[in-house]
């Protein structure tokens, strides 16, 4: 699994989570009891978005392990477990490993 796939899954989960949170916030702000279905839809979307984000975190762990990038694996695992999942996944999506360490070629100045 590539970093691009992990990023797409993470962004999808984040968008679903945000839409659910907005629906939930709109219902709470209105304070009306008739929007209970809106609140339920918001809660369901927040839950689905959270599950998708956790799945992307697991995908990032598997990808790091398959590439043999154990430093990235440890950082993603530890920060995800202590509750910094959103931050670590944003960082991983932007600058995470995309190839094995031994496959990278050194830059040769000419």
N, C-alpha and C. Protein backbone atom coordinates (compact mmCIF):
# COMPACT_ATOMS: atom_id res chain seq x y z
N UNK A 1 0.84 -1.17 0.00
CA UNK A 1 0.00 0.00 0.00
C UNK A 1 0.89 1.24 0.00
N UNK A 2 0.54 2.17 -0.84
CA UNK A 2 1.37 3.36 -0.97
C UNK A 2 0.90 4.47 -0.04
N UNK A 3 1.76 5.45 0.10
CA UNK A 3 1.42 6.60 0.93
C UNK A 3 0.22 7.34 0.34
N UNK A 4 0.09 7.35 -0.98
CA UNK A 4 -1.04 8.03 -1.63
C UNK A 4 -2.36 7.36 -1.26
N UNK A 5 -2.37 6.04 -1.19
CA UNK A 5 -3.59 5.32 -0.82
C UNK A 5 -3.96 5.62 0.64
N UNK A 6 -2.96 5.60 1.50
CA UNK A 6 -3.20 5.91 2.92
C UNK A 6 -3.74 7.32 3.05
N UNK A 7 -3.18 8.26 2.30
CA UNK A 7 -3.63 9.65 2.34
C UNK A 7 -5.08 9.78 1.88
N UNK A 8 -5.45 9.09 0.80
CA UNK A 8 -6.82 9.16 0.29
C UNK A 8 -7.82 8.61 1.31
N UNK A 9 -7.47 7.51 1.93
CA UNK A 9 -8.35 6.93 2.95
C UNK A 9 -8.47 7.87 4.14
N UNK A 10 -7.36 8.44 4.58
CA UNK A 10 -7.38 9.36 5.71
C UNK A 10 -8.22 10.60 5.42
N UNK A 11 -8.03 11.20 4.26
CA UNK A 11 -8.79 12.41 3.90
C UNK A 11 -10.27 12.09 3.78
N UNK A 12 -10.61 10.92 3.24
CA UNK A 12 -12.02 10.51 3.17
C UNK A 12 -12.62 10.41 4.56
N UNK A 13 -11.92 9.75 5.47
CA UNK A 13 -12.41 9.63 6.84
C UNK A 13 -12.54 10.98 7.52
N UNK A 14 -11.59 11.86 7.26
CA UNK A 14 -11.62 13.19 7.86
C UNK A 14 -12.82 13.99 7.35
N UNK A 15 -13.09 13.91 6.05
CA UNK A 15 -14.23 14.63 5.48
C UNK A 15 -15.54 14.10 6.04
N UNK A 16 -15.68 12.78 6.12
CA UNK A 16 -16.90 12.18 6.68
C UNK A 16 -17.07 12.61 8.13
N UNK A 17 -15.98 12.60 8.90
CA UNK A 17 -16.04 13.00 10.30
C UNK A 17 -16.47 14.45 10.44
N UNK A 18 -15.91 15.34 9.63
CA UNK A 18 -16.23 16.76 9.71
C UNK A 18 -17.69 17.01 9.34
N UNK A 19 -18.18 16.35 8.30
CA UNK A 19 -19.59 16.50 7.91
C UNK A 19 -20.50 16.05 9.06
N UNK A 20 -20.19 14.94 9.68
CA UNK A 20 -20.98 14.47 10.82
C UNK A 20 -20.92 15.43 11.99
N UNK A 21 -19.75 15.98 12.25
CA UNK A 21 -19.61 16.93 13.36
C UNK A 21 -20.40 18.20 13.09
N UNK A 22 -20.41 18.66 11.84
CA UNK A 22 -21.19 19.85 11.49
C UNK A 22 -22.68 19.59 11.65
N UNK A 23 -23.15 18.44 11.19
CA UNK A 23 -24.57 18.09 11.37
C UNK A 23 -24.94 18.04 12.85
N UNK A 24 -24.08 17.44 13.63
CA UNK A 24 -24.32 17.34 15.07
C UNK A 24 -24.32 18.72 15.73
N UNK A 25 -23.38 19.57 15.35
CA UNK A 25 -23.30 20.92 15.92
C UNK A 25 -24.50 21.76 15.54
N UNK A 26 -24.96 21.62 14.31
CA UNK A 26 -26.15 22.37 13.88
C UNK A 26 -27.38 21.96 14.67
N UNK A 27 -27.50 20.68 14.96
CA UNK A 27 -28.65 20.20 15.73
C UNK A 27 -28.56 20.66 17.17
N UNK A 28 -27.40 20.61 17.76
CA UNK A 28 -27.23 21.04 19.15
C UNK A 28 -27.47 22.54 19.27
N UNK A 29 -27.00 23.29 18.30
CA UNK A 29 -27.16 24.74 18.34
C UNK A 29 -28.62 25.16 18.20
N UNK A 30 -29.38 24.44 17.38
CA UNK A 30 -30.78 24.80 17.19
C UNK A 30 -31.60 24.52 18.45
N UNK A 31 -31.23 23.50 19.19
CA UNK A 31 -31.89 23.19 20.45
C UNK A 31 -33.30 22.65 20.29
N UNK A 32 -33.66 22.24 19.11
CA UNK A 32 -35.01 21.72 18.88
C UNK A 32 -34.99 20.20 18.92
N UNK A 33 -36.04 19.63 19.46
CA UNK A 33 -36.13 18.19 19.57
C UNK A 33 -36.51 17.51 18.28
N UNK A 34 -37.04 18.25 17.33
CA UNK A 34 -37.51 17.63 16.10
C UNK A 34 -36.36 17.24 15.16
N UNK A 35 -35.16 17.72 15.42
CA UNK A 35 -34.03 17.39 14.57
C UNK A 35 -33.25 16.19 15.08
N UNK A 36 -33.94 15.28 15.79
CA UNK A 36 -33.24 14.12 16.36
C UNK A 36 -32.64 13.25 15.27
N UNK A 37 -33.30 13.16 14.14
CA UNK A 37 -32.73 12.34 13.06
C UNK A 37 -31.46 12.98 12.51
N UNK A 38 -31.42 14.30 12.51
CA UNK A 38 -30.21 15.00 12.08
C UNK A 38 -29.05 14.71 13.04
N UNK A 39 -29.36 14.71 14.32
CA UNK A 39 -28.34 14.40 15.32
C UNK A 39 -27.86 12.96 15.19
N UNK A 40 -28.80 12.04 14.95
CA UNK A 40 -28.41 10.64 14.78
C UNK A 40 -27.56 10.45 13.54
N UNK A 41 -27.93 11.14 12.46
CA UNK A 41 -27.12 11.06 11.24
C UNK A 41 -25.72 11.62 11.50
N UNK A 42 -25.64 12.71 12.24
CA UNK A 42 -24.35 13.29 12.58
C UNK A 42 -23.50 12.34 13.40
N UNK A 43 -24.10 11.70 14.39
CA UNK A 43 -23.36 10.75 15.22
C UNK A 43 -22.88 9.55 14.40
N UNK A 44 -23.73 9.09 13.51
CA UNK A 44 -23.34 7.95 12.67
C UNK A 44 -22.18 8.33 11.77
N UNK A 45 -22.25 9.52 11.16
CA UNK A 45 -21.17 9.95 10.28
C UNK A 45 -19.87 10.18 11.05
N UNK A 46 -19.96 10.73 12.25
CA UNK A 46 -18.76 10.90 13.08
C UNK A 46 -18.14 9.54 13.39
N UNK A 47 -18.97 8.56 13.71
CA UNK A 47 -18.48 7.21 14.00
C UNK A 47 -17.83 6.56 12.79
N UNK A 48 -18.49 6.67 11.63
CA UNK A 48 -17.94 6.09 10.41
C UNK A 48 -16.62 6.78 10.04
N UNK A 49 -16.59 8.10 10.15
CA UNK A 49 -15.35 8.83 9.86
C UNK A 49 -14.22 8.42 10.79
N UNK A 50 -14.54 8.23 12.07
CA UNK A 50 -13.52 7.79 13.02
C UNK A 50 -12.99 6.41 12.69
N UNK A 51 -13.87 5.50 12.30
CA UNK A 51 -13.45 4.15 11.93
C UNK A 51 -12.55 4.20 10.69
N UNK A 52 -12.91 5.03 9.71
CA UNK A 52 -12.09 5.15 8.50
C UNK A 52 -10.71 5.73 8.85
N UNK A 53 -10.66 6.70 9.75
CA UNK A 53 -9.37 7.28 10.15
C UNK A 53 -8.50 6.25 10.87
N UNK A 54 -9.11 5.45 11.73
CA UNK A 54 -8.34 4.39 12.41
C UNK A 54 -7.84 3.37 11.38
N UNK A 55 -8.67 3.06 10.39
CA UNK A 55 -8.24 2.14 9.33
C UNK A 55 -7.05 2.71 8.57
N UNK A 56 -7.06 4.02 8.31
CA UNK A 56 -5.92 4.63 7.60
C UNK A 56 -4.67 4.60 8.48
N UNK A 57 -4.84 4.73 9.78
CA UNK A 57 -3.70 4.65 10.70
C UNK A 57 -3.09 3.24 10.66
N UNK A 58 -3.96 2.23 10.66
CA UNK A 58 -3.47 0.84 10.58
C UNK A 58 -2.78 0.60 9.25
N UNK A 59 -3.34 1.17 8.18
CA UNK A 59 -2.71 1.06 6.86
C UNK A 59 -1.33 1.71 6.86
N UNK A 60 -1.19 2.84 7.54
CA UNK A 60 0.10 3.51 7.63
C UNK A 60 1.10 2.65 8.40
N UNK A 61 0.64 2.00 9.45
CA UNK A 61 1.52 1.11 10.21
C UNK A 61 1.98 -0.07 9.35
N UNK A 62 1.04 -0.67 8.63
CA UNK A 62 1.38 -1.81 7.78
C UNK A 62 2.34 -1.38 6.67
N UNK A 63 2.06 -0.23 6.07
CA UNK A 63 2.91 0.27 4.99
C UNK A 63 4.33 0.54 5.49
N UNK A 64 4.45 1.17 6.65
CA UNK A 64 5.77 1.45 7.22
C UNK A 64 6.52 0.15 7.52
N UNK A 65 5.82 -0.84 8.04
CA UNK A 65 6.46 -2.12 8.34
C UNK A 65 6.88 -2.84 7.07
N UNK A 66 6.05 -2.79 6.04
CA UNK A 66 6.40 -3.46 4.78
C UNK A 66 7.61 -2.81 4.11
N UNK A 67 7.75 -1.51 4.29
CA UNK A 67 8.90 -0.81 3.72
C UNK A 67 10.15 -0.95 4.59
N UNK A 68 9.99 -1.49 5.79
CA UNK A 68 11.13 -1.63 6.68
C UNK A 68 11.55 -0.33 7.31
N UNK A 69 10.66 0.62 7.39
CA UNK A 69 10.94 1.93 7.99
C UNK A 69 10.47 1.90 9.44
N UNK A 70 11.28 1.32 10.30
CA UNK A 70 10.88 1.05 11.68
C UNK A 70 10.81 2.32 12.53
N UNK A 71 11.55 3.33 12.20
CA UNK A 71 11.46 4.60 12.91
C UNK A 71 10.08 5.22 12.69
N UNK A 72 9.65 5.25 11.43
CA UNK A 72 8.31 5.75 11.13
C UNK A 72 7.24 4.89 11.79
N UNK A 73 7.44 3.57 11.76
CA UNK A 73 6.48 2.67 12.38
C UNK A 73 6.31 3.01 13.86
N UNK A 74 7.43 3.16 14.57
CA UNK A 74 7.37 3.44 16.00
C UNK A 74 6.71 4.78 16.29
N UNK A 75 7.05 5.80 15.50
CA UNK A 75 6.47 7.12 15.73
C UNK A 75 4.97 7.10 15.47
N UNK A 76 4.55 6.50 14.36
CA UNK A 76 3.12 6.43 14.02
C UNK A 76 2.37 5.63 15.08
N UNK A 77 2.95 4.53 15.53
CA UNK A 77 2.30 3.70 16.54
C UNK A 77 2.16 4.43 17.87
N UNK A 78 3.25 4.98 18.37
CA UNK A 78 3.23 5.61 19.69
C UNK A 78 2.34 6.85 19.70
N UNK A 79 2.50 7.73 18.72
CA UNK A 79 1.68 8.94 18.71
C UNK A 79 0.20 8.63 18.48
N UNK A 80 -0.07 7.61 17.69
CA UNK A 80 -1.46 7.21 17.49
C UNK A 80 -2.08 6.66 18.77
N UNK A 81 -1.30 5.90 19.52
CA UNK A 81 -1.82 5.31 20.76
C UNK A 81 -2.02 6.32 21.87
N UNK A 82 -1.25 7.42 21.87
CA UNK A 82 -1.42 8.40 22.94
C UNK A 82 -2.45 9.47 22.58
N UNK A 83 -3.10 9.31 21.43
CA UNK A 83 -4.21 10.20 21.10
C UNK A 83 -3.90 11.30 20.11
N UNK A 84 -2.76 11.25 19.49
CA UNK A 84 -2.40 12.26 18.51
C UNK A 84 -2.56 11.73 17.09
N UNK A 85 -3.61 10.96 16.89
CA UNK A 85 -3.83 10.29 15.60
C UNK A 85 -3.96 11.29 14.46
N UNK A 86 -4.72 12.34 14.67
CA UNK A 86 -4.94 13.33 13.61
C UNK A 86 -3.62 13.99 13.20
N UNK A 87 -2.82 14.38 14.17
CA UNK A 87 -1.55 15.06 13.88
C UNK A 87 -0.57 14.11 13.18
N UNK A 88 -0.45 12.90 13.69
CA UNK A 88 0.51 11.97 13.11
C UNK A 88 0.09 11.55 11.70
N UNK A 89 -1.20 11.45 11.45
CA UNK A 89 -1.64 11.08 10.11
C UNK A 89 -1.47 12.22 9.11
N UNK A 90 -1.62 13.45 9.56
CA UNK A 90 -1.35 14.58 8.67
C UNK A 90 0.12 14.61 8.29
N UNK A 91 0.99 14.42 9.28
CA UNK A 91 2.43 14.41 9.03
C UNK A 91 2.80 13.24 8.12
N UNK A 92 2.25 12.05 8.41
CA UNK A 92 2.55 10.87 7.60
C UNK A 92 2.08 11.07 6.16
N UNK A 93 0.91 11.67 5.99
CA UNK A 93 0.37 11.89 4.65
C UNK A 93 1.24 12.83 3.83
N UNK A 94 1.87 13.78 4.49
CA UNK A 94 2.69 14.76 3.77
C UNK A 94 4.12 14.29 3.54
N UNK A 95 4.76 13.72 4.55
CA UNK A 95 6.19 13.41 4.44
C UNK A 95 6.55 11.98 4.84
N UNK A 96 5.57 11.10 4.91
CA UNK A 96 5.85 9.73 5.30
C UNK A 96 6.68 8.99 4.26
N UNK A 97 7.18 7.81 4.62
CA UNK A 97 8.03 7.06 3.70
C UNK A 97 7.24 6.55 2.50
N UNK A 98 7.90 6.57 1.34
CA UNK A 98 7.24 6.05 0.14
C UNK A 98 8.05 4.93 -0.51
N UNK A 99 9.27 4.73 -0.04
CA UNK A 99 10.08 3.64 -0.57
C UNK A 99 11.03 3.14 0.51
N UNK A 100 11.57 1.95 0.26
CA UNK A 100 12.51 1.36 1.20
C UNK A 100 13.76 2.22 1.35
N UNK A 101 14.38 2.16 2.50
CA UNK A 101 15.59 2.93 2.75
C UNK A 101 16.71 2.49 1.82
N UNK A 102 16.88 1.19 1.59
CA UNK A 102 17.99 0.71 0.78
C UNK A 102 17.76 0.95 -0.72
N UNK A 103 16.55 1.32 -1.13
CA UNK A 103 16.27 1.57 -2.53
C UNK A 103 16.54 3.02 -2.92
N UNK A 104 16.67 3.89 -1.94
CA UNK A 104 16.93 5.29 -2.24
C UNK A 104 18.35 5.46 -2.75
N UNK A 105 18.51 6.26 -3.75
CA UNK A 105 19.84 6.54 -4.28
C UNK A 105 20.35 7.84 -3.70
N UNK A 106 21.61 7.88 -3.32
CA UNK A 106 22.16 9.14 -2.80
C UNK A 106 22.26 10.18 -3.92
N UNK A 107 22.10 11.42 -3.54
CA UNK A 107 22.23 12.50 -4.50
C UNK A 107 23.72 12.76 -4.73
N UNK A 108 24.12 12.71 -5.97
CA UNK A 108 25.52 12.89 -6.33
C UNK A 108 25.66 14.27 -6.97
N UNK A 109 26.49 15.09 -6.39
CA UNK A 109 26.74 16.42 -6.94
C UNK A 109 27.68 16.31 -8.12
N UNK A 110 27.34 16.99 -9.19
CA UNK A 110 28.22 16.94 -10.38
C UNK A 110 28.92 18.24 -10.62
